[in-house]
Amino acid sequence: MSDPVWSRDAVAAWSQLLFDSFRHWTGRELFARTGSFADQARALFEASMVVVSHGMEPDPILNYGNHLALDLWELSWEQLVRTPSRLTAEPVNQAERARMLRAAEEQGYFDGYRGVRIS
């Protein structure tokens, strides 16, 4: 049996960057950070809210999705981290997604997305 996704060194390190970035841009914690980095990575992966991120490529590729994101998009971790983020929104919602990404670029994050996501 392979190790859980959240326990992989790169995923645990990225989880810390997500926590730190959210605090930097919002002035608040994503949620209480307790225990070791591994405990925090697990808590983020098992959170009761969808958490996703993508890279800065010209056509950004998803690089993190917690268990709810994986369930929502019906993807394995390996599939998720090869998926262009644009493919997770319906074509009719691409303009809203573009607006969201512009807001994220301007303010460093975006939360409260409302829209249909596709698997």
PDB file of N, CA and C in Angstrom:
ATOM      1  N   MET A   1       0.848  -1.192   0.000  1.00  0.00           N
ATOM      2  CA  MET A   1       0.000   0.000   0.000  1.00  0.00           C
ATOM      3  C   MET A   1       0.882   1.240   0.000  1.00  0.00           C
ATOM      4  N   SER A   2       0.581   2.221  -0.832  1.00  0.00           N
ATOM      5  CA  SER A   2       1.400   3.427  -0.903  1.00  0.00           C
ATOM      6  C   SER A   2       1.039   4.381   0.230  1.00  0.00           C
ATOM      7  N   ASP A   3       1.960   5.282   0.499  1.00  0.00           N
ATOM      8  CA  ASP A   3       1.734   6.269   1.542  1.00  0.00           C
ATOM      9  C   ASP A   3       0.594   7.199   1.136  1.00  0.00           C
ATOM     10  N   PRO A   4      -0.133   7.724   2.123  1.00  0.00           N
ATOM     11  CA  PRO A   4      -1.187   8.694   1.793  1.00  0.00           C
ATOM     12  C   PRO A   4      -0.573   9.922   1.098  1.00  0.00           C
ATOM     13  N   VAL A   5      -1.324  10.511   0.198  1.00  0.00           N
ATOM     14  CA  VAL A   5      -0.852  11.673  -0.563  1.00  0.00           C
ATOM     15  C   VAL A   5      -0.297  12.748   0.363  1.00  0.00           C
ATOM     16  N   TRP A   6      -1.030  13.074   1.407  1.00  0.00           N
ATOM     17  CA  TRP A   6      -0.624  14.175   2.287  1.00  0.00           C
ATOM     18  C   TRP A   6       0.689  13.920   2.995  1.00  0.00           C
ATOM     19  N   SER A   7       1.132  12.670   3.093  1.00  0.00           N
ATOM     20  CA  SER A   7       2.370  12.363   3.805  1.00  0.00           C
ATOM     21  C   SER A   7       3.609  12.455   2.915  1.00  0.00           C
ATOM     22  N   ARG A   8       3.428  12.636   1.630  1.00  0.00           N
ATOM     23  CA  ARG A   8       4.566  12.779   0.720  1.00  0.00           C
ATOM     24  C   ARG A   8       5.273  14.097   1.017  1.00  0.00           C
ATOM     25  N   ASP A   9       6.596  14.081   1.014  1.00  0.00           N
ATOM     26  CA  ASP A   9       7.374  15.272   1.379  1.00  0.00           C
ATOM     27  C   ASP A   9       6.968  16.504   0.573  1.00  0.00           C
ATOM     28  N   ALA A  10       6.853  16.354  -0.737  1.00  0.00           N
ATOM     29  CA  ALA A  10       6.522  17.505  -1.584  1.00  0.00           C
ATOM     30  C   ALA A  10       5.121  18.037  -1.286  1.00  0.00           C
ATOM     31  N   VAL A  11       4.188  17.149  -1.018  1.00  0.00           N
ATOM     32  CA  VAL A  11       2.805  17.570  -0.722  1.00  0.00           C
ATOM     33  C   VAL A  11       2.743  18.234   0.644  1.00  0.00           C
ATOM     34  N   ALA A  12       3.443  17.676   1.636  1.00  0.00           N
ATOM     35  CA  ALA A  12       3.472  18.290   2.966  1.00  0.00           C
ATOM     36  C   ALA A  12       4.108  19.676   2.900  1.00  0.00           C
ATOM     37  N   ALA A  13       5.182  19.820   2.131  1.00  0.00           N
ATOM     38  CA  ALA A  13       5.831  21.129   1.983  1.00  0.00           C
ATOM     39  C   ALA A  13       4.898  22.110   1.274  1.00  0.00           C
ATOM     40  N   TRP A  14       4.203  21.644   0.227  1.00  0.00           N
ATOM     41  CA  TRP A  14       3.270  22.527  -0.493  1.00  0.00           C
ATOM     42  C   TRP A  14       2.120  22.939   0.428  1.00  0.00           C
ATOM     43  N   SER A  15       1.673  22.032   1.271  1.00  0.00           N
ATOM     44  CA  SER A  15       0.609  22.354   2.227  1.00  0.00           C
ATOM     45  C   SER A  15       1.024  23.518   3.109  1.00  0.00           C
ATOM     46  N   GLN A  16       2.278  23.507   3.566  1.00  0.00           N
ATOM     47  CA  GLN A  16       2.770  24.606   4.397  1.00  0.00           C
ATOM     48  C   GLN A  16       2.785  25.912   3.611  1.00  0.00           C
ATOM     49  N   LEU A  17       3.169  25.847   2.341  1.00  0.00           N
ATOM     50  CA  LEU A  17       3.138  27.053   1.503  1.00  0.00           C
ATOM     51  C   LEU A  17       1.713  27.575   1.344  1.00  0.00           C
ATOM     52  N   LEU A  18       0.761  26.670   1.200  1.00  0.00           N
ATOM     53  CA  LEU A  18      -0.638  27.102   1.091  1.00  0.00           C
ATOM     54  C   LEU A  18      -1.095  27.795   2.374  1.00  0.00           C
ATOM     55  N   PHE A  19      -0.781  27.191   3.512  1.00  0.00           N
ATOM     56  CA  PHE A  19      -1.125  27.824   4.795  1.00  0.00           C
ATOM     57  C   PHE A  19      -0.468  29.193   4.920  1.00  0.00           C
ATOM     58  N   ASP A  20       0.835  29.243   4.641  1.00  0.00           N
ATOM     59  CA  ASP A  20       1.591  30.489   4.796  1.00  0.00           C
ATOM     60  C   ASP A  20       1.108  31.565   3.834  1.00  0.00           C
ATOM     61  N   SER A  21       0.842  31.178   2.601  1.00  0.00           N
ATOM     62  CA  SER A  21       0.374  32.131   1.606  1.00  0.00           C
ATOM     63  C   SER A  21      -0.994  32.695   1.984  1.00  0.00           C
ATOM     64  N   PHE A  22      -1.894  31.826   2.432  1.00  0.00           N
ATOM     65  CA  PHE A  22      -3.221  32.290   2.829  1.00  0.00           C
ATOM     66  C   PHE A  22      -3.110  33.300   3.977  1.00  0.00           C
ATOM     67  N   ARG A  23      -2.269  32.985   4.965  1.00  0.00           N
ATOM     68  CA  ARG A  23      -2.085  33.908   6.093  1.00  0.00           C
ATOM     69  C   ARG A  23      -1.482  35.224   5.605  1.00  0.00           C
ATOM     70  N   HIS A  24      -0.494  35.148   4.713  1.00  0.00           N
ATOM     71  CA  HIS A  24       0.153  36.350   4.192  1.00  0.00           C
ATOM     72  C   HIS A  24      -0.857  37.276   3.500  1.00  0.00           C
ATOM     73  N   TRP A  25      -1.684  36.705   2.639  1.00  0.00           N
ATOM     74  CA  TRP A  25      -2.583  37.516   1.822  1.00  0.00           C
ATOM     75  C   TRP A  25      -3.865  37.922   2.535  1.00  0.00           C
ATOM     76  N   THR A  26      -4.296  37.151   3.515  1.00  0.00           N
ATOM     77  CA  THR A  26      -5.572  37.477   4.177  1.00  0.00           C
ATOM     78  C   THR A  26      -5.413  37.982   5.598  1.00  0.00           C
ATOM     79  N   GLY A  27      -4.262  37.707   6.214  1.00  0.00           N
ATOM     80  CA  GLY A  27      -4.070  38.078   7.610  1.00  0.00           C
ATOM     81  C   GLY A  27      -4.746  37.120   8.581  1.00  0.00           C
ATOM     82  N   ARG A  28      -5.225  36.004   8.074  1.00  0.00           N
ATOM     83  CA  ARG A  28      -5.873  35.022   8.952  1.00  0.00           C
ATOM     84  C   ARG A  28      -5.417  33.620   8.552  1.00  0.00           C
ATOM     85  N   GLU A  29      -5.671  32.683   9.433  1.00  0.00           N
ATOM     86  CA  GLU A  29      -5.311  31.291   9.149  1.00  0.00           C
ATOM     87  C   GLU A  29      -6.424  30.627   8.350  1.00  0.00           C
ATOM     88  N   LEU A  30      -6.042  29.727   7.477  1.00  0.00           N
ATOM     89  CA  LEU A  30      -7.013  28.929   6.728  1.00  0.00           C
ATOM     90  C   LEU A  30      -7.866  28.146   7.716  1.00  0.00           C
ATOM     91  N   PHE A  31      -7.236  27.536   8.699  1.00  0.00           N
ATOM     92  CA  PHE A  31      -7.852  26.984   9.901  1.00  0.00           C
ATOM     93  C   PHE A  31      -6.731  26.728  10.892  1.00  0.00           C
ATOM     94  N   ALA A  32      -7.068  26.385  12.105  1.00  0.00           N
ATOM     95  CA  ALA A  32      -6.075  26.228  13.166  1.00  0.00           C
ATOM     96  C   ALA A  32      -4.980  25.251  12.757  1.00  0.00           C
ATOM     97  N   ARG A  33      -3.747  25.688  12.920  1.00  0.00           N
ATOM     98  CA  ARG A  33      -2.587  24.855  12.612  1.00  0.00           C
ATOM     99  C   ARG A  33      -2.047  24.288  13.921  1.00  0.00           C
ATOM    100  N   THR A  34      -2.246  23.012  14.104  1.00  0.00           N
ATOM    101  CA  THR A  34      -1.761  22.366  15.317  1.00  0.00           C
ATOM    102  C   THR A  34      -0.963  21.135  14.934  1.00  0.00           C
ATOM    103  N   GLY A  35      -0.096  20.734  15.831  1.00  0.00           N
ATOM    104  CA  GLY A  35       0.691  19.533  15.594  1.00  0.00           C
ATOM    105  C   GLY A  35       1.855  19.790  14.654  1.00  0.00           C
ATOM    106  N   SER A  36       2.426  18.701  14.181  1.00  0.00           N
ATOM    107  CA  SER A  36       3.570  18.748  13.275  1.00  0.00           C
ATOM    108  C   SER A  36       3.143  19.199  11.877  1.00  0.00           C
ATOM    109  N   PHE A  37       4.130  19.452  11.022  1.00  0.00           N
ATOM    110  CA  PHE A  37       3.825  19.771   9.623  1.00  0.00           C
ATOM    111  C   PHE A  37       3.035  18.632   8.978  1.00  0.00           C
ATOM    112  N   ALA A  38       3.395  17.403   9.314  1.00  0.00           N
ATOM    113  CA  ALA A  38       2.660  16.252   8.761  1.00  0.00           C
ATOM    114  C   ALA A  38       1.209  16.257   9.237  1.00  0.00           C
ATOM    115  N   ASP A  39       0.987  16.595  10.511  1.00  0.00           N
ATOM    116  CA  ASP A  39      -0.381  16.691  11.034  1.00  0.00           C
ATOM    117  C   ASP A  39      -1.163  17.771  10.299  1.00  0.00           C
ATOM    118  N   GLN A  40      -0.505  18.893  10.032  1.00  0.00           N
ATOM    119  CA  GLN A  40      -1.167  19.997   9.340  1.00  0.00           C
ATOM    120  C   GLN A  40      -1.473  19.630   7.888  1.00  0.00           C
ATOM    121  N   ALA A  41      -0.533  18.943   7.241  1.00  0.00           N
ATOM    122  CA  ALA A  41      -0.764  18.504   5.859  1.00  0.00           C
ATOM    123  C   ALA A  41      -1.947  17.548   5.799  1.00  0.00           C
ATOM    124  N   ARG A  42      -2.028  16.663   6.776  1.00  0.00           N
ATOM    125  CA  ARG A  42      -3.152  15.726   6.819  1.00  0.00           C
ATOM    126  C   ARG A  42      -4.460  16.475   7.053  1.00  0.00           C
ATOM    127  N   ALA A  43      -4.460  17.422   7.988  1.00  0.00           N
ATOM    128  CA  ALA A  43      -5.675  18.192   8.278  1.00  0.00           C
ATOM    129  C   ALA A  43      -6.151  18.954   7.042  1.00  0.00           C
ATOM    130  N   LEU A  44      -5.224  19.526   6.275  1.00  0.00           N
ATOM    131  CA  LEU A  44      -5.599  20.245   5.060  1.00  0.00           C
ATOM    132  C   LEU A  44      -6.177  19.282   4.030  1.00  0.00           C
ATOM    133  N   PHE A  45      -5.545  18.128   3.885  1.00  0.00           N
ATOM    134  CA  PHE A  45      -6.025  17.139   2.918  1.00  0.00           C
ATOM    135  C   PHE A  45      -7.409  16.617   3.297  1.00  0.00           C
ATOM    136  N   GLU A  46      -7.661  16.496   4.589  1.00  0.00           N
ATOM    137  CA  GLU A  46      -8.933  15.952   5.067  1.00  0.00           C
ATOM    138  C   GLU A  46      -9.962  17.029   5.414  1.00  0.00           C
ATOM    139  N   ALA A  47      -9.670  18.288   5.121  1.00  0.00           N
ATOM    140  CA  ALA A  47     -10.557  19.409   5.470  1.00  0.00           C
ATOM    141  C   ALA A  47     -11.940  19.233   4.852  1.00  0.00           C
ATOM    142  N   SER A  48     -12.915  19.861   5.500  1.00  0.00           N
ATOM    143  CA  SER A  48     -14.305  19.772   5.038  1.00  0.00           C
ATOM    144  C   SER A  48     -14.652  20.872   4.034  1.00  0.00           C
ATOM    145  N   MET A  49     -13.626  21.447   3.404  1.00  0.00           N
ATOM    146  CA  MET A  49     -13.810  22.425   2.325  1.00  0.00           C
ATOM    147  C   MET A  49     -12.868  22.038   1.207  1.00  0.00           C
ATOM    148  N   VAL A  50     -13.211  22.387   0.006  1.00  0.00           N
ATOM    149  CA  VAL A  50     -12.354  22.094  -1.139  1.00  0.00           C
ATOM    150  C   VAL A  50     -11.176  23.055  -1.122  1.00  0.00           C
ATOM    151  N   VAL A  51      -9.973  22.507  -1.253  1.00  0.00           N
ATOM    152  CA  VAL A  51      -8.753  23.302  -1.358  1.00  0.00           C
ATOM    153  C   VAL A  51      -8.012  22.824  -2.596  1.00  0.00           C
ATOM    154  N   VAL A  52      -7.770  23.752  -3.519  1.00  0.00           N
ATOM    155  CA  VAL A  52      -7.017  23.442  -4.735  1.00  0.00           C
ATOM    156  C   VAL A  52      -6.053  24.580  -5.014  1.00  0.00           C
ATOM    157  N   SER A  53      -5.009  24.249  -5.734  1.00  0.00           N
ATOM    158  CA  SER A  53      -4.094  25.281  -6.227  1.00  0.00           C
ATOM    159  C   SER A  53      -3.546  24.814  -7.565  1.00  0.00           C
ATOM    160  N   HIS A  54      -3.015  25.783  -8.300  1.00  0.00           N
ATOM    161  CA  HIS A  54      -2.364  25.442  -9.561  1.00  0.00           C
ATOM    162  C   HIS A  54      -1.122  26.292  -9.705  1.00  0.00           C
ATOM    163  N   GLY A  55      -0.304  25.911 -10.663  1.00  0.00           N
ATOM    164  CA  GLY A  55       0.952  26.604 -10.899  1.00  0.00           C
ATOM    165  C   GLY A  55       0.779  27.886 -11.683  1.00  0.00           C
ATOM    166  N   MET A  56       1.898  28.426 -12.097  1.00  0.00           N
ATOM    167  CA  MET A  56       1.928  29.709 -12.806  1.00  0.00           C
ATOM    168  C   MET A  56       2.232  29.532 -14.295  1.00  0.00           C
ATOM    169  N   GLU A  57       2.055  28.327 -14.803  1.00  0.00           N
ATOM    170  CA  GLU A  57       2.293  28.089 -16.220  1.00  0.00           C
ATOM    171  C   GLU A  57       1.344  28.946 -17.070  1.00  0.00           C
ATOM    172  N   PRO A  58       1.690  29.171 -18.342  1.00  0.00           N
ATOM    173  CA  PRO A  58       0.762  29.908 -19.213  1.00  0.00           C
ATOM    174  C   PRO A  58      -0.637  29.274 -19.223  1.00  0.00           C
ATOM    175  N   ASP A  59      -0.704  27.959 -19.190  1.00  0.00           N
ATOM    176  CA  ASP A  59      -1.961  27.218 -19.070  1.00  0.00           C
ATOM    177  C   ASP A  59      -1.832  26.445 -17.754  1.00  0.00           C
ATOM    178  N   PRO A  60      -2.188  27.074 -16.620  1.00  0.00           N
ATOM    179  CA  PRO A  60      -1.874  26.510 -15.302  1.00  0.00           C
ATOM    180  C   PRO A  60      -2.376  25.082 -15.096  1.00  0.00           C
ATOM    181  N   ILE A  61      -1.504  24.277 -14.502  1.00  0.00           N
ATOM    182  CA  ILE A  61      -1.782  22.886 -14.179  1.00  0.00           C
ATOM    183  C   ILE A  61      -2.064  22.791 -12.676  1.00  0.00           C
ATOM    184  N   LEU A  62      -3.096  22.050 -12.326  1.00  0.00           N
ATOM    185  CA  LEU A  62      -3.385  21.847 -10.905  1.00  0.00           C
ATOM    186  C   LEU A  62      -2.186  21.171 -10.241  1.00  0.00           C
ATOM    187  N   ASN A  63      -1.840  21.630  -9.036  1.00  0.00           N
ATOM    188  CA  ASN A  63      -0.710  21.038  -8.328  1.00  0.00           C
ATOM    189  C   ASN A  63      -1.077  20.607  -6.907  1.00  0.00           C
ATOM    190  N   TYR A  64      -2.302  20.872  -6.500  1.00  0.00           N
ATOM    191  CA  TYR A  64      -2.768  20.403  -5.194  1.00  0.00           C
ATOM    192  C   TYR A  64      -4.290  20.335  -5.226  1.00  0.00           C
ATOM    193  N   GLY A  65      -4.803  19.301  -4.630  1.00  0.00           N
ATOM    194  CA  GLY A  65      -6.234  19.171  -4.410  1.00  0.00           C
ATOM    195  C   GLY A  65      -6.429  18.248  -3.228  1.00  0.00           C
ATOM    196  N   ASN A  66      -7.207  18.700  -2.267  1.00  0.00           N
ATOM    197  CA  ASN A  66      -7.445  17.838  -1.105  1.00  0.00           C
ATOM    198  C   ASN A  66      -8.474  16.759  -1.458  1.00  0.00           C
ATOM    199  N   HIS A  67      -8.810  15.935  -0.478  1.00  0.00           N
ATOM    200  CA  HIS A  67      -9.679  14.782  -0.771  1.00  0.00           C
ATOM    201  C   HIS A  67     -11.023  15.202  -1.334  1.00  0.00           C
ATOM    202  N   LEU A  68     -11.578  16.327  -0.885  1.00  0.00           N
ATOM    203  CA  LEU A  68     -12.866  16.763  -1.450  1.00  0.00           C
ATOM    204  C   LEU A  68     -12.716  17.176  -2.907  1.00  0.00           C
ATOM    205  N   ALA A  69     -11.598  17.808  -3.248  1.00  0.00           N
ATOM    206  CA  ALA A  69     -11.353  18.179  -4.649  1.00  0.00           C
ATOM    207  C   ALA A  69     -11.217  16.931  -5.508  1.00  0.00           C
ATOM    208  N   LEU A  70     -10.473  15.949  -5.012  1.00  0.00           N
ATOM    209  CA  LEU A  70     -10.316  14.705  -5.766  1.00  0.00           C
ATOM    210  C   LEU A  70     -11.664  14.027  -5.972  1.00  0.00           C
ATOM    211  N   ASP A  71     -12.491  14.023  -4.942  1.00  0.00           N
ATOM    212  CA  ASP A  71     -13.828  13.437  -5.063  1.00  0.00           C
ATOM    213  C   ASP A  71     -14.696  14.237  -6.030  1.00  0.00           C
ATOM    214  N   LEU A  72     -14.658  15.556  -5.895  1.00  0.00           N
ATOM    215  CA  LEU A  72     -15.486  16.428  -6.727  1.00  0.00           C
ATOM    216  C   LEU A  72     -15.182  16.241  -8.210  1.00  0.00           C
ATOM    217  N   TRP A  73     -13.898  16.196  -8.540  1.00  0.00           N
ATOM    218  CA  TRP A  73     -13.518  16.080  -9.941  1.00  0.00           C
ATOM    219  C   TRP A  73     -13.288  14.645 -10.372  1.00  0.00           C
ATOM    220  N   GLU A  74     -13.558  13.714  -9.473  1.00  0.00           N
ATOM    221  CA  GLU A  74     -13.464  12.287  -9.793  1.00  0.00           C
ATOM    222  C   GLU A  74     -12.105  11.945 -10.405  1.00  0.00           C
ATOM    223  N   LEU A  75     -11.041  12.389  -9.726  1.00  0.00           N
ATOM    224  CA  LEU A  75      -9.677  12.182 -10.198  1.00  0.00           C
ATOM    225  C   LEU A  75      -8.823  11.540  -9.115  1.00  0.00           C
ATOM    226  N   SER A  76      -7.835  10.792  -9.541  1.00  0.00           N
ATOM    227  CA  SER A  76      -6.794  10.353  -8.622  1.00  0.00           C
ATOM    228  C   SER A  76      -5.815  11.521  -8.464  1.00  0.00           C
ATOM    229  N   TRP A  77      -4.946  11.424  -7.487  1.00  0.00           N
ATOM    230  CA  TRP A  77      -3.923  12.468  -7.312  1.00  0.00           C
ATOM    231  C   TRP A  77      -3.087  12.596  -8.590  1.00  0.00           C
ATOM    232  N   GLU A  78      -2.678  11.473  -9.143  1.00  0.00           N
ATOM    233  CA  GLU A  78      -1.826  11.481 -10.324  1.00  0.00           C
ATOM    234  C   GLU A  78      -2.527  12.137 -11.515  1.00  0.00           C
ATOM    235  N   GLN A  79      -3.821  11.936 -11.650  1.00  0.00           N
ATOM    236  CA  GLN A  79      -4.571  12.594 -12.724  1.00  0.00           C
ATOM    237  C   GLN A  79      -4.703  14.085 -12.445  1.00  0.00           C
ATOM    238  N   LEU A  80      -5.003  14.426 -11.196  1.00  0.00           N
ATOM    239  CA  LEU A  80      -5.202  15.837 -10.831  1.00  0.00           C
ATOM    240  C   LEU A  80      -3.986  16.668 -11.179  1.00  0.00           C
ATOM    241  N   VAL A  81      -2.802  16.206 -10.817  1.00  0.00           N
ATOM    242  CA  VAL A  81      -1.597  17.025 -10.992  1.00  0.00           C
ATOM    243  C   VAL A  81      -1.105  17.068 -12.441  1.00  0.00           C
ATOM    244  N   ARG A  82      -1.872  16.510 -13.350  1.00  0.00           N
ATOM    245  CA  ARG A  82      -1.607  16.634 -14.791  1.00  0.00           C
ATOM    246  C   ARG A  82      -2.730  17.419 -15.483  1.00  0.00           C
ATOM    247  N   THR A  83      -3.691  17.905 -14.739  1.00  0.00           N
ATOM    248  CA  THR A  83      -4.890  18.519 -15.312  1.00  0.00           C
ATOM    249  C   THR A  83      -4.759  20.036 -15.395  1.00  0.00           C
ATOM    250  N   PRO A  84      -4.911  20.616 -16.585  1.00  0.00           N
ATOM    251  CA  PRO A  84      -4.991  22.073 -16.681  1.00  0.00           C
ATOM    252  C   PRO A  84      -6.220  22.559 -15.898  1.00  0.00           C
ATOM    253  N   SER A  85      -6.044  23.574 -15.084  1.00  0.00           N
ATOM    254  CA  SER A  85      -7.159  24.007 -14.240  1.00  0.00           C
ATOM    255  C   SER A  85      -8.351  24.483 -15.056  1.00  0.00           C
ATOM    256  N   ARG A  86      -8.110  24.973 -16.262  1.00  0.00           N
ATOM    257  CA  ARG A  86      -9.235  25.447 -17.089  1.00  0.00           C
ATOM    258  C   ARG A  86     -10.215  24.326 -17.413  1.00  0.00           C
ATOM    259  N   LEU A  87      -9.755  23.086 -17.382  1.00  0.00           N
ATOM    260  CA  LEU A  87     -10.629  21.971 -17.718  1.00  0.00           C
ATOM    261  C   LEU A  87     -11.574  21.602 -16.577  1.00  0.00           C
ATOM    262  N   THR A  88     -11.468  22.277 -15.443  1.00  0.00           N
ATOM    263  CA  THR A  88     -12.360  21.976 -14.324  1.00  0.00           C
ATOM    264  C   THR A  88     -13.576  22.894 -14.287  1.00  0.00           C
ATOM    265  N   ALA A  89     -13.679  23.803 -15.248  1.00  0.00           N
ATOM    266  CA  ALA A  89     -14.844  24.689 -15.334  1.00  0.00           C
ATOM    267  C   ALA A  89     -15.528  24.477 -16.685  1.00  0.00           C
ATOM    268  N   GLU A  90     -16.849  24.535 -16.675  1.00  0.00           N
ATOM    269  CA  GLU A  90     -17.594  24.400 -17.923  1.00  0.00           C
ATOM    270  C   GLU A  90     -17.210  25.520 -18.880  1.00  0.00           C
ATOM    271  N   PRO A  91     -17.200  25.248 -20.174  1.00  0.00           N
ATOM    272  CA  PRO A  91     -16.852  26.297 -21.140  1.00  0.00           C
ATOM    273  C   PRO A  91     -17.679  27.570 -20.974  1.00  0.00           C
ATOM    274  N   VAL A  92     -18.952  27.442 -20.622  1.00  0.00           N
ATOM    275  CA  VAL A  92     -19.785  28.643 -20.456  1.00  0.00           C
ATOM    276  C   VAL A  92     -19.379  29.442 -19.223  1.00  0.00           C
ATOM    277  N   ASN A  93     -18.616  28.832 -18.307  1.00  0.00           N
ATOM    278  CA  ASN A  93     -18.173  29.531 -17.102  1.00  0.00           C
ATOM    279  C   ASN A  93     -16.723  29.984 -17.184  1.00  0.00           C
ATOM    280  N   GLN A  94     -16.122  29.889 -18.368  1.00  0.00           N
ATOM    281  CA  GLN A  94     -14.721  30.273 -18.508  1.00  0.00           C
ATOM    282  C   GLN A  94     -14.506  31.761 -18.218  1.00  0.00           C
ATOM    283  N   ALA A  95     -15.466  32.610 -18.571  1.00  0.00           N
ATOM    284  CA  ALA A  95     -15.310  34.041 -18.296  1.00  0.00           C
ATOM    285  C   ALA A  95     -15.297  34.300 -16.796  1.00  0.00           C
ATOM    286  N   GLU A  96     -16.164  33.629 -16.053  1.00  0.00           N
ATOM    287  CA  GLU A  96     -16.176  33.770 -14.597  1.00  0.00           C
ATOM    288  C   GLU A  96     -14.871  33.252 -14.003  1.00  0.00           C
ATOM    289  N   ARG A  97     -14.374  32.149 -14.512  1.00  0.00           N
ATOM    290  CA  ARG A  97     -13.105  31.601 -14.042  1.00  0.00           C
ATOM    291  C   ARG A  97     -11.979  32.594 -14.324  1.00  0.00           C
ATOM    292  N   ALA A  98     -11.971  33.204 -15.492  1.00  0.00           N
ATOM    293  CA  ALA A  98     -10.938  34.188 -15.831  1.00  0.00           C
ATOM    294  C   ALA A  98     -11.008  35.386 -14.893  1.00  0.00           C
ATOM    295  N   ARG A  99     -12.223  35.826 -14.559  1.00  0.00           N
ATOM    296  CA  ARG A  99     -12.389  36.932 -13.610  1.00  0.00           C
ATOM    297  C   ARG A  99     -11.823  36.537 -12.249  1.00  0.00           C
ATOM    298  N   MET A 100     -12.106  35.329 -11.806  1.00  0.00           N
ATOM    299  CA  MET A 100     -11.608  34.831 -10.534  1.00  0.00           C
ATOM    300  C   MET A 100     -10.083  34.809 -10.531  1.00  0.00           C
ATOM    301  N   LEU A 101      -9.479  34.347 -11.607  1.00  0.00           N
ATOM    302  CA  LEU A 101      -8.023  34.287 -11.672  1.00  0.00           C
ATOM    303  C   LEU A 101      -7.390  35.672 -11.672  1.00  0.00           C
ATOM    304  N   ARG A 102      -8.043  36.636 -12.327  1.00  0.00           N
ATOM    305  CA  ARG A 102      -7.536  38.015 -12.280  1.00  0.00           C
ATOM    306  C   ARG A 102      -7.590  38.553 -10.855  1.00  0.00           C
ATOM    307  N   ALA A 103      -8.695  38.281 -10.159  1.00  0.00           N
ATOM    308  CA  ALA A 103      -8.816  38.719  -8.764  1.00  0.00           C
ATOM    309  C   ALA A 103      -7.745  38.059  -7.902  1.00  0.00           C
ATOM    310  N   ALA A 104      -7.488  36.786  -8.126  1.00  0.00           N
ATOM    311  CA  ALA A 104      -6.451  36.081  -7.361  1.00  0.00           C
ATOM    312  C   ALA A 104      -5.082  36.676  -7.639  1.00  0.00           C
ATOM    313  N   GLU A 105      -4.831  37.036  -8.879  1.00  0.00           N
ATOM    314  CA  GLU A 105      -3.541  37.635  -9.218  1.00  0.00           C
ATOM    315  C   GLU A 105      -3.388  38.998  -8.539  1.00  0.00           C
ATOM    316  N   GLU A 106      -4.453  39.771  -8.480  1.00  0.00           N
ATOM    317  CA  GLU A 106      -4.406  41.107  -7.879  1.00  0.00           C
ATOM    318  C   GLU A 106      -4.298  41.067  -6.363  1.00  0.00           C
ATOM    319  N   GLN A 107      -5.033  40.155  -5.710  1.00  0.00           N
ATOM    320  CA  GLN A 107      -5.061  40.156  -4.246  1.00  0.00           C
ATOM    321  C   GLN A 107      -4.296  38.998  -3.621  1.00  0.00           C
ATOM    322  N   GLY A 108      -3.742  38.106  -4.448  1.00  0.00           N
ATOM    323  CA  GLY A 108      -2.930  37.028  -3.940  1.00  0.00           C
ATOM    324  C   GLY A 108      -3.681  35.750  -3.606  1.00  0.00           C
ATOM    325  N   TYR A 109      -4.986  35.765  -3.670  1.00  0.00           N
ATOM    326  CA  TYR A 109      -5.799  34.585  -3.381  1.00  0.00           C
ATOM    327  C   TYR A 109      -7.206  34.842  -3.895  1.00  0.00           C
ATOM    328  N   PHE A 110      -8.008  33.797  -3.888  1.00  0.00           N
ATOM    329  CA  PHE A 110      -9.430  33.946  -4.185  1.00  0.00           C
ATOM    330  C   PHE A 110     -10.171  32.892  -3.395  1.00  0.00           C
ATOM    331  N   ASP A 111     -11.221  33.316  -2.734  1.00  0.00           N
ATOM    332  CA  ASP A 111     -12.070  32.345  -2.047  1.00  0.00           C
ATOM    333  C   ASP A 111     -13.508  32.651  -2.374  1.00  0.00           C
ATOM    334  N   GLY A 112     -14.370  31.721  -2.060  1.00  0.00           N
ATOM    335  CA  GLY A 112     -15.792  31.927  -2.300  1.00  0.00           C
ATOM    336  C   GLY A 112     -16.235  31.689  -3.724  1.00  0.00           C
ATOM    337  N   TYR A 113     -15.459  30.931  -4.504  1.00  0.00           N
ATOM    338  CA  TYR A 113     -15.866  30.656  -5.876  1.00  0.00           C
ATOM    339  C   TYR A 113     -17.216  29.958  -5.894  1.00  0.00           C
ATOM    340  N   ARG A 114     -18.083  30.424  -6.743  1.00  0.00           N
ATOM    341  CA  ARG A 114     -19.385  29.802  -6.940  1.00  0.00           C
ATOM    342  C   ARG A 114     -19.528  29.510  -8.417  1.00  0.00           C
ATOM    343  N   GLY A 115     -19.678  28.269  -8.726  1.00  0.00           N
ATOM    344  CA  GLY A 115     -19.830  27.904 -10.120  1.00  0.00           C
ATOM    345  C   GLY A 115     -19.835  26.404 -10.270  1.00  0.00           C
ATOM    346  N   VAL A 116     -20.227  25.970 -11.418  1.00  0.00           N
ATOM    347  CA  VAL A 116     -20.251  24.544 -11.711  1.00  0.00           C
ATOM    348  C   VAL A 116     -18.845  24.133 -12.082  1.00  0.00           C
ATOM    349  N   ARG A 117     -18.368  23.108 -11.429  1.00  0.00           N
ATOM    350  CA  ARG A 117     -17.072  22.536 -11.757  1.00  0.00           C
ATOM    351  C   ARG A 117     -17.344  21.201 -12.434  1.00  0.00           C
ATOM    352  N   ILE A 118     -16.527  20.856 -13.392  1.00  0.00           N
ATOM    353  CA  ILE A 118     -16.766  19.615 -14.130  1.00  0.00           C
ATOM    354  C   ILE A 118     -15.643  18.620 -13.879  1.00  0.00           C
ATOM    355  N   SER A 119     -16.002  17.344 -13.945  1.00  0.00           N
ATOM    356  CA  SER A 119     -14.994  16.294 -13.799  1.00  0.00           C
ATOM    357  C   SER A 119     -14.641  15.766 -15.162  1.00  0.00           C
TER     358      SER A 119
END
